[in-house]
Amino acid sequence: MEGRVLRKLFLGFIQIHILHHAKEHPIFGVWMIEELREHGYEIGAGTLYPILHNMESDGLLLKEERNVEGKIRKYYTTTEKGNMVLIEARKKAYELFKEIKDE
């Protein structure tokens, strides 16, 4: 039960993280999985790819397919809507952090 609750909570953090990196440069799934692991998120392809697809469907990410060594790799960048959501999410995250941080 506790793991499921934390997973749902962290989903929002993961989406903000995706938007942050997709704004900096095009990202692809395997790279994002490794990046998230560096920050303590144990997430697999079966979880990440549906998140990316949903974010694309919501108009937050734009997908571009590129041929990389004979294989099609999907790269994601933020849309204008994704950039606006990221700005708002940063404000909300900052306010939340200020309120809950240890003193």
N, C-alpha and C. Protein backbone atom coordinates (compact mmCIF):
# COMPACT_ATOMS: atom_id res chain seq x y z
N MET A 1 0.82 -1.20 0.00
CA MET A 1 0.00 0.00 0.00
C MET A 1 0.86 1.26 0.00
N GLU A 2 1.82 1.34 0.92
CA GLU A 2 2.65 2.54 1.03
C GLU A 2 3.44 2.79 -0.26
N GLY A 3 3.96 1.74 -0.87
CA GLY A 3 4.71 1.88 -2.11
C GLY A 3 3.85 2.45 -3.23
N ARG A 4 2.60 2.02 -3.28
CA ARG A 4 1.68 2.50 -4.31
C ARG A 4 1.37 3.99 -4.11
N VAL A 5 1.20 4.38 -2.87
CA VAL A 5 0.90 5.78 -2.56
C VAL A 5 2.10 6.66 -2.95
N LEU A 6 3.30 6.23 -2.57
CA LEU A 6 4.50 6.99 -2.92
C LEU A 6 4.68 7.06 -4.43
N ARG A 7 4.41 5.96 -5.11
CA ARG A 7 4.55 5.93 -6.57
C ARG A 7 3.63 6.96 -7.24
N LYS A 8 2.39 7.05 -6.74
CA LYS A 8 1.46 8.03 -7.28
C LYS A 8 1.93 9.45 -7.00
N LEU A 9 2.47 9.67 -5.81
CA LEU A 9 2.98 10.99 -5.44
C LEU A 9 4.17 11.36 -6.32
N PHE A 10 5.08 10.43 -6.51
CA PHE A 10 6.30 10.71 -7.28
C PHE A 10 6.03 10.86 -8.77
N LEU A 11 4.90 10.39 -9.25
CA LEU A 11 4.58 10.52 -10.67
C LEU A 11 4.60 11.99 -11.10
N GLY A 12 4.07 12.86 -10.27
CA GLY A 12 4.10 14.29 -10.59
C GLY A 12 5.52 14.83 -10.65
N PHE A 13 6.36 14.39 -9.70
CA PHE A 13 7.77 14.81 -9.70
C PHE A 13 8.47 14.34 -10.97
N ILE A 14 8.18 13.11 -11.37
CA ILE A 14 8.79 12.54 -12.58
C ILE A 14 8.38 13.36 -13.80
N GLN A 15 7.12 13.73 -13.88
CA GLN A 15 6.65 14.50 -15.02
C GLN A 15 7.31 15.88 -15.07
N ILE A 16 7.48 16.51 -13.93
CA ILE A 16 8.18 17.79 -13.89
C ILE A 16 9.62 17.61 -14.34
N HIS A 17 10.24 16.53 -13.88
CA HIS A 17 11.62 16.23 -14.25
C HIS A 17 11.73 16.04 -15.77
N ILE A 18 10.78 15.32 -16.34
CA ILE A 18 10.77 15.11 -17.80
C ILE A 18 10.65 16.45 -18.52
N LEU A 19 9.71 17.29 -18.10
CA LEU A 19 9.54 18.59 -18.75
C LEU A 19 10.82 19.43 -18.65
N HIS A 20 11.44 19.40 -17.49
CA HIS A 20 12.68 20.17 -17.28
C HIS A 20 13.75 19.77 -18.30
N HIS A 21 13.99 18.47 -18.43
CA HIS A 21 15.05 18.02 -19.34
C HIS A 21 14.64 18.16 -20.80
N ALA A 22 13.37 17.92 -21.11
CA ALA A 22 12.92 18.04 -22.50
C ALA A 22 12.94 19.49 -22.97
N LYS A 23 12.93 20.42 -22.02
CA LYS A 23 13.07 21.83 -22.40
C LYS A 23 14.53 22.15 -22.70
N GLU A 24 15.45 21.53 -21.96
CA GLU A 24 16.88 21.79 -22.15
C GLU A 24 17.40 21.22 -23.46
N HIS A 25 16.95 20.01 -23.80
CA HIS A 25 17.40 19.32 -25.02
C HIS A 25 16.47 18.14 -25.29
N PRO A 26 16.44 17.65 -26.53
CA PRO A 26 15.60 16.49 -26.81
C PRO A 26 16.03 15.29 -25.96
N ILE A 27 15.05 14.59 -25.41
CA ILE A 27 15.32 13.42 -24.57
C ILE A 27 14.75 12.18 -25.24
N PHE A 28 15.26 11.02 -24.86
CA PHE A 28 14.68 9.76 -25.30
C PHE A 28 14.58 8.85 -24.09
N GLY A 29 13.76 7.82 -24.21
CA GLY A 29 13.38 6.98 -23.07
C GLY A 29 14.51 6.43 -22.23
N VAL A 30 15.46 5.74 -22.84
CA VAL A 30 16.53 5.11 -22.07
C VAL A 30 17.35 6.16 -21.33
N TRP A 31 17.63 7.27 -21.98
CA TRP A 31 18.37 8.34 -21.31
C TRP A 31 17.60 8.85 -20.10
N MET A 32 16.28 9.02 -20.26
CA MET A 32 15.46 9.55 -19.18
C MET A 32 15.39 8.56 -18.02
N ILE A 33 15.31 7.28 -18.30
CA ILE A 33 15.31 6.27 -17.25
C ILE A 33 16.60 6.37 -16.44
N GLU A 34 17.73 6.49 -17.12
CA GLU A 34 19.01 6.61 -16.42
C GLU A 34 19.09 7.89 -15.61
N GLU A 35 18.60 8.99 -16.17
CA GLU A 35 18.60 10.27 -15.46
C GLU A 35 17.75 10.19 -14.19
N LEU A 36 16.59 9.61 -14.31
CA LEU A 36 15.72 9.48 -13.15
C LEU A 36 16.34 8.58 -12.08
N ARG A 37 17.01 7.53 -12.50
CA ARG A 37 17.69 6.64 -11.53
C ARG A 37 18.75 7.39 -10.74
N GLU A 38 19.44 8.32 -11.40
CA GLU A 38 20.46 9.13 -10.70
C GLU A 38 19.84 9.95 -9.58
N HIS A 39 18.54 10.19 -9.67
CA HIS A 39 17.85 10.98 -8.66
C HIS A 39 16.99 10.11 -7.74
N GLY A 40 17.22 8.79 -7.77
CA GLY A 40 16.55 7.90 -6.84
C GLY A 40 15.22 7.33 -7.29
N TYR A 41 14.82 7.57 -8.54
CA TYR A 41 13.57 7.01 -9.04
C TYR A 41 13.87 5.71 -9.76
N GLU A 42 13.33 4.61 -9.26
CA GLU A 42 13.47 3.32 -9.92
C GLU A 42 12.26 3.14 -10.83
N ILE A 43 12.46 3.46 -12.09
CA ILE A 43 11.37 3.43 -13.06
C ILE A 43 11.82 2.65 -14.27
N GLY A 44 10.95 1.81 -14.78
CA GLY A 44 11.27 1.00 -15.95
C GLY A 44 10.58 1.53 -17.19
N ALA A 45 10.92 0.92 -18.31
CA ALA A 45 10.35 1.33 -19.59
C ALA A 45 8.83 1.19 -19.61
N GLY A 46 8.32 0.16 -18.96
CA GLY A 46 6.88 -0.08 -18.92
C GLY A 46 6.11 1.00 -18.19
N THR A 47 6.80 1.77 -17.37
CA THR A 47 6.19 2.90 -16.67
C THR A 47 6.47 4.20 -17.41
N LEU A 48 7.72 4.38 -17.86
CA LEU A 48 8.10 5.65 -18.48
C LEU A 48 7.40 5.90 -19.81
N TYR A 49 7.37 4.91 -20.69
CA TYR A 49 6.83 5.17 -22.02
C TYR A 49 5.36 5.56 -22.01
N PRO A 50 4.53 4.95 -21.18
CA PRO A 50 3.14 5.46 -21.10
C PRO A 50 3.07 6.90 -20.58
N ILE A 51 3.97 7.26 -19.66
CA ILE A 51 4.00 8.65 -19.18
C ILE A 51 4.34 9.58 -20.33
N LEU A 52 5.37 9.24 -21.11
CA LEU A 52 5.76 10.07 -22.25
C LEU A 52 4.62 10.18 -23.26
N HIS A 53 3.96 9.06 -23.54
CA HIS A 53 2.85 9.07 -24.50
C HIS A 53 1.70 9.93 -23.99
N ASN A 54 1.39 9.83 -22.70
CA ASN A 54 0.31 10.65 -22.13
C ASN A 54 0.67 12.13 -22.16
N MET A 55 1.91 12.44 -21.86
CA MET A 55 2.35 13.83 -21.90
C MET A 55 2.29 14.38 -23.32
N GLU A 56 2.60 13.52 -24.29
CA GLU A 56 2.48 13.93 -25.69
C GLU A 56 1.01 14.15 -26.05
N SER A 57 0.15 13.23 -25.64
CA SER A 57 -1.30 13.36 -25.91
C SER A 57 -1.88 14.61 -25.26
N ASP A 58 -1.34 14.98 -24.11
CA ASP A 58 -1.81 16.18 -23.40
C ASP A 58 -1.24 17.47 -23.99
N GLY A 59 -0.40 17.33 -25.00
CA GLY A 59 0.17 18.51 -25.66
C GLY A 59 1.35 19.12 -24.94
N LEU A 60 1.97 18.37 -24.02
CA LEU A 60 3.12 18.88 -23.27
C LEU A 60 4.44 18.58 -23.96
N LEU A 61 4.48 17.49 -24.72
CA LEU A 61 5.70 17.06 -25.40
C LEU A 61 5.43 16.89 -26.89
N LEU A 62 6.46 17.12 -27.66
CA LEU A 62 6.42 16.88 -29.10
C LEU A 62 7.40 15.76 -29.40
N LYS A 63 6.96 14.76 -30.15
CA LYS A 63 7.79 13.61 -30.47
C LYS A 63 8.37 13.75 -31.87
N GLU A 64 9.65 13.41 -31.98
CA GLU A 64 10.32 13.38 -33.28
C GLU A 64 11.04 12.04 -33.40
N GLU A 65 10.79 11.32 -34.47
CA GLU A 65 11.46 10.04 -34.69
C GLU A 65 12.72 10.27 -35.51
N ARG A 66 13.83 9.71 -35.02
CA ARG A 66 15.11 9.82 -35.72
C ARG A 66 15.71 8.43 -35.91
N ASN A 67 16.39 8.27 -37.02
CA ASN A 67 17.10 7.02 -37.28
C ASN A 67 18.47 7.10 -36.62
N VAL A 68 18.69 6.22 -35.64
CA VAL A 68 19.96 6.18 -34.92
C VAL A 68 20.53 4.78 -35.09
N GLU A 69 21.59 4.69 -35.89
CA GLU A 69 22.26 3.41 -36.16
C GLU A 69 21.27 2.35 -36.65
N GLY A 70 20.40 2.76 -37.57
CA GLY A 70 19.46 1.84 -38.19
C GLY A 70 18.20 1.57 -37.38
N LYS A 71 18.07 2.18 -36.21
CA LYS A 71 16.88 1.99 -35.38
C LYS A 71 16.18 3.34 -35.21
N ILE A 72 14.86 3.28 -35.12
CA ILE A 72 14.09 4.50 -34.91
C ILE A 72 14.07 4.80 -33.41
N ARG A 73 14.53 5.99 -33.07
CA ARG A 73 14.51 6.44 -31.67
C ARG A 73 13.58 7.64 -31.60
N LYS A 74 12.74 7.65 -30.58
CA LYS A 74 11.79 8.74 -30.38
C LYS A 74 12.37 9.76 -29.41
N TYR A 75 12.49 10.98 -29.87
CA TYR A 75 12.99 12.09 -29.05
C TYR A 75 11.82 13.00 -28.70
N TYR A 76 11.87 13.52 -27.50
CA TYR A 76 10.79 14.38 -27.01
C TYR A 76 11.35 15.74 -26.60
N THR A 77 10.64 16.79 -26.98
CA THR A 77 10.94 18.15 -26.54
C THR A 77 9.64 18.76 -26.03
N THR A 78 9.77 19.81 -25.22
CA THR A 78 8.56 20.45 -24.72
C THR A 78 7.91 21.29 -25.80
N THR A 79 6.60 21.38 -25.70
CA THR A 79 5.83 22.30 -26.53
C THR A 79 5.71 23.61 -25.77
N GLU A 80 5.10 24.60 -26.38
CA GLU A 80 4.85 25.86 -25.68
C GLU A 80 3.99 25.61 -24.44
N LYS A 81 2.98 24.76 -24.58
CA LYS A 81 2.13 24.40 -23.43
C LYS A 81 2.96 23.72 -22.34
N GLY A 82 3.86 22.82 -22.75
CA GLY A 82 4.74 22.15 -21.80
C GLY A 82 5.63 23.13 -21.06
N ASN A 83 6.14 24.12 -21.78
CA ASN A 83 6.97 25.16 -21.15
C ASN A 83 6.17 25.95 -20.12
N MET A 84 4.93 26.29 -20.45
CA MET A 84 4.08 27.04 -19.53
C MET A 84 3.75 26.21 -18.29
N VAL A 85 3.46 24.94 -18.49
CA VAL A 85 3.18 24.04 -17.36
C VAL A 85 4.41 23.93 -16.48
N LEU A 86 5.58 23.83 -17.08
CA LEU A 86 6.83 23.74 -16.30
C LEU A 86 7.04 24.99 -15.46
N ILE A 87 6.81 26.15 -16.04
CA ILE A 87 6.96 27.40 -15.28
C ILE A 87 6.04 27.38 -14.06
N GLU A 88 4.79 27.00 -14.27
CA GLU A 88 3.82 26.96 -13.16
C GLU A 88 4.20 25.90 -12.14
N ALA A 89 4.65 24.73 -12.62
CA ALA A 89 5.04 23.65 -11.70
C ALA A 89 6.24 24.06 -10.86
N ARG A 90 7.18 24.79 -11.45
CA ARG A 90 8.34 25.27 -10.69
C ARG A 90 7.90 26.21 -9.57
N LYS A 91 6.97 27.11 -9.88
CA LYS A 91 6.46 28.04 -8.86
C LYS A 91 5.81 27.27 -7.71
N LYS A 92 4.95 26.32 -8.06
CA LYS A 92 4.23 25.54 -7.05
C LYS A 92 5.21 24.69 -6.23
N ALA A 93 6.18 24.07 -6.90
CA ALA A 93 7.16 23.24 -6.19
C ALA A 93 7.99 24.08 -5.24
N TYR A 94 8.36 25.28 -5.67
CA TYR A 94 9.15 26.17 -4.82
C TYR A 94 8.36 26.57 -3.57
N GLU A 95 7.10 26.93 -3.78
CA GLU A 95 6.25 27.30 -2.64
C GLU A 95 6.08 26.13 -1.69
N LEU A 96 5.86 24.94 -2.23
CA LEU A 96 5.71 23.75 -1.39
C LEU A 96 6.99 23.46 -0.62
N PHE A 97 8.13 23.54 -1.30
CA PHE A 97 9.41 23.30 -0.64
C PHE A 97 9.62 24.27 0.53
N LYS A 98 9.33 25.54 0.29
CA LYS A 98 9.50 26.53 1.36
C LYS A 98 8.64 26.19 2.57
N GLU A 99 7.46 25.65 2.32
CA GLU A 99 6.55 25.35 3.42
C GLU A 99 6.93 24.08 4.18
N ILE A 100 7.41 23.06 3.47
CA ILE A 100 7.63 21.78 4.14
C ILE A 100 9.07 21.50 4.53
N LYS A 101 10.01 22.34 4.13
CA LYS A 101 11.42 22.06 4.43
C LYS A 101 11.66 22.07 5.94
N ASP A 102 12.64 21.29 6.35
CA ASP A 102 13.02 21.24 7.76
C ASP A 102 13.69 22.55 8.15
N GLU A 103 13.39 23.00 9.31
CA GLU A 103 14.02 24.26 9.78
C GLU A 103 15.12 23.97 10.75
